[in-house]
């Protein structure tokens, strides 16, 4: 599992499947979808009852699965972000395997929620610092030694 600081700086891709109520799912698997060949590249699989994670060789141990079954990709990952990711949720025998694709908008920069928060916090801090500096530069400076003694 990622350290807490690294987890906060990861991209989170949701697994948007309609789970059946009361079903104890066994595994979840995440794939990269290669659109040109319509093939899948396995990234990571989690055995839900055992809470153990298995990495596919190509994934280079850089992916994790969140408690909500989302795919977590660390910001400093050397893996290339692809356009489509697929999750598959494996139920017990007698139920349907659930699948969901998540398409990353083309031409958009993929930024995680914590990264957006940090950017906004930085902008706010800079604005606050500028506001404080502006406050002090507008105040007139009066030198006491220039005033006559009767005015003190």
Protein backbone atom coordinates (compact mmCIF):
# COMPACT_ATOMS: atom_id res chain seq x y z
CA UNK A 1 0.00 0.00 0.00
CA UNK A 2 1.11 3.58 -0.59
CA UNK A 3 2.36 5.67 2.32
CA UNK A 4 -0.25 8.26 3.36
CA UNK A 5 1.61 11.21 1.80
CA UNK A 6 2.02 9.35 -1.49
CA UNK A 7 -1.62 8.25 -1.46
CA UNK A 8 -2.74 11.87 -1.16
CA UNK A 9 -0.77 12.72 -4.29
CA UNK A 10 -2.21 9.93 -6.46
CA UNK A 11 -4.68 9.96 -9.33
CA UNK A 12 -7.93 8.21 -8.52
CA UNK A 13 -9.92 6.54 -11.30
CA UNK A 14 -13.36 5.33 -10.16
CA UNK A 15 -14.84 1.91 -10.88
CA UNK A 16 -18.40 2.86 -11.82
CA UNK A 17 -20.25 -0.45 -11.69
CA UNK A 18 -23.75 -1.11 -10.36
CA UNK A 19 -23.04 -3.66 -7.61
CA UNK A 20 -25.73 -6.11 -6.54
CA UNK A 21 -26.77 -5.69 -2.94
CA UNK A 22 -25.69 -8.50 -0.63
CA UNK A 23 -23.19 -10.04 -3.08
CA UNK A 24 -19.71 -10.69 -1.66
CA UNK A 25 -17.45 -9.91 -4.61
CA UNK A 26 -14.27 -11.97 -4.82
CA UNK A 27 -11.85 -9.96 -6.95
CA UNK A 28 -11.41 -6.70 -8.79
CA UNK A 29 -9.07 -6.29 -11.73
CA UNK A 30 -7.93 -3.09 -13.45
CA UNK A 31 -6.74 -2.95 -17.07
CA UNK A 32 -5.46 -0.43 -19.58
CA UNK A 33 -7.57 -0.58 -22.74
CA UNK A 34 -5.57 -0.29 -25.95
CA UNK A 35 -8.06 1.27 -28.35
CA UNK A 36 -6.06 0.67 -31.53
CA UNK A 37 -6.04 -3.11 -31.06
CA UNK A 38 -9.03 -3.39 -28.68
CA UNK A 39 -6.85 -5.37 -26.26
CA UNK A 40 -6.33 -5.21 -22.50
CA UNK A 41 -3.16 -4.86 -20.46
CA UNK A 42 -3.55 -6.14 -16.91
CA UNK A 43 -2.38 -3.73 -14.21
CA UNK A 44 -3.44 -4.95 -10.79
CA UNK A 45 -5.82 -7.45 -9.19
CA UNK A 46 -7.11 -7.48 -5.62
CA UNK A 47 -8.46 -10.53 -3.82
CA UNK A 48 -11.19 -8.80 -1.81
CA UNK A 49 -11.80 -11.38 0.98
CA UNK A 50 -8.05 -11.83 1.60
CA UNK A 51 -7.30 -8.12 1.03
CA UNK A 52 -4.22 -9.05 -1.00
CA UNK A 53 -3.01 -7.32 -4.15
CA UNK A 54 -1.37 -8.99 -7.12
CA UNK A 55 0.53 -6.90 -9.66
CA UNK A 56 0.83 -7.81 -13.30
CA UNK A 57 4.41 -7.76 -14.61
CA UNK A 58 3.80 -4.78 -16.87
CA UNK A 59 2.40 -2.68 -14.00
CA UNK A 60 5.76 -2.39 -12.22
CA UNK A 61 4.04 -2.32 -8.77
CA UNK A 62 2.97 1.28 -9.27
CA UNK A 63 -0.81 0.80 -9.01
CA UNK A 64 -3.07 0.17 -6.02
CA UNK A 65 -6.78 -0.39 -5.54
CA UNK A 66 -8.63 1.86 -3.10
CA UNK A 67 -11.26 0.78 -0.57
CA UNK A 68 -13.96 1.97 -2.98
CA UNK A 69 -12.38 -0.18 -5.76
CA UNK A 70 -10.91 2.87 -7.51
CA UNK A 71 -7.55 2.61 -9.27
CA UNK A 72 -4.85 4.68 -7.58
CA UNK A 73 -1.93 5.83 -9.71
CA UNK A 74 0.87 7.68 -7.91
CA UNK A 75 1.76 11.08 -9.41
CA UNK A 76 5.41 10.10 -9.72
CA UNK A 77 4.60 6.85 -11.52
CA UNK A 78 6.76 6.06 -14.52
CA UNK A 79 3.78 4.36 -16.15
CA UNK A 80 2.21 6.26 -19.01
CA UNK A 81 -1.38 7.38 -18.41
CA UNK A 82 -3.62 5.91 -21.10
CA UNK A 83 -6.95 7.08 -22.46
CA UNK A 84 -9.23 4.28 -21.18
CA UNK A 85 -9.08 2.14 -18.04
CA UNK A 86 -11.36 -0.84 -17.32
CA UNK A 87 -12.33 -2.39 -14.02
CA UNK A 88 -13.82 -5.86 -13.71
CA UNK A 89 -15.54 -6.92 -10.50
CA UNK A 90 -15.69 -10.70 -10.04
CA UNK A 91 -18.65 -12.09 -8.04
CA UNK A 92 -19.23 -15.64 -6.79
CA UNK A 93 -20.53 -18.25 -9.24
CA UNK A 94 -24.11 -17.54 -10.30
CA UNK A 95 -23.72 -13.75 -10.66
CA UNK A 96 -22.61 -11.60 -13.57
CA UNK A 97 -19.10 -10.18 -13.85
CA UNK A 98 -19.40 -6.39 -13.73
CA UNK A 99 -17.27 -4.22 -16.03
CA UNK A 100 -16.87 -0.50 -16.40
CA UNK A 101 -14.67 1.65 -18.62
CA UNK A 102 -13.39 5.05 -17.57
CA UNK A 103 -12.35 7.37 -20.39
CA UNK A 104 -9.93 10.16 -19.59
CA UNK A 105 -11.01 13.23 -21.58
CA UNK A 106 -8.76 13.67 -24.60
CA UNK A 107 -6.66 16.82 -24.56
CA UNK A 108 -7.18 17.34 -20.84
CA UNK A 109 -4.48 17.25 -18.23
CA UNK A 110 -5.24 14.62 -15.63
CA UNK A 111 -4.91 16.25 -12.21
CA UNK A 112 -5.95 14.67 -8.96
CA UNK A 113 -8.24 16.38 -6.46
CA UNK A 114 -5.42 16.84 -3.91
CA UNK A 115 -3.27 18.45 -6.62
CA UNK A 116 -6.06 20.91 -7.46
CA UNK A 117 -6.44 21.67 -3.76
CA UNK A 118 -2.71 22.36 -3.41
CA UNK A 119 -2.75 24.63 -6.47
CA UNK A 120 -5.70 26.61 -5.10
CA UNK A 121 -4.07 26.81 -1.68
CA UNK A 122 -0.88 28.16 -3.27
CA UNK A 123 -2.80 30.79 -5.23
CA UNK A 124 -4.65 31.82 -2.07
CA UNK A 125 -1.38 32.08 -0.10
CA UNK A 126 0.21 34.23 -2.81
CA UNK A 127 -2.87 36.47 -2.98
CA UNK A 128 -2.89 36.82 0.81
CA UNK A 129 0.81 37.68 0.86
CA UNK A 130 0.28 40.30 -1.87
CA UNK A 131 -2.70 41.74 0.01
CA UNK A 132 -0.63 42.08 3.19
CA UNK A 133 2.24 43.75 1.33
CA UNK A 134 -0.21 46.13 -0.34
CA UNK A 135 -1.67 47.03 3.07
CA UNK A 136 1.70 48.05 4.46
CA UNK A 137 2.92 49.94 1.41
CA UNK A 138 -0.13 52.21 1.37
CA UNK A 139 0.35 53.44 4.95
CA UNK A 140 2.10 56.81 5.14
CA UNK A 141 5.29 56.87 7.13
CA UNK A 142 5.51 59.75 9.60
CA UNK A 143 8.82 60.49 11.16
CA UNK A 144 8.46 61.68 14.74
CA UNK A 145 11.62 63.76 14.59
CA UNK A 146 10.08 65.98 11.88
CA UNK A 147 7.12 67.01 14.04
CA UNK A 148 7.41 70.02 16.32
CA UNK A 149 7.61 69.17 20.01
CA UNK A 150 4.32 70.93 20.70
CA UNK A 151 2.47 68.41 18.47
CA UNK A 152 3.77 65.37 20.35
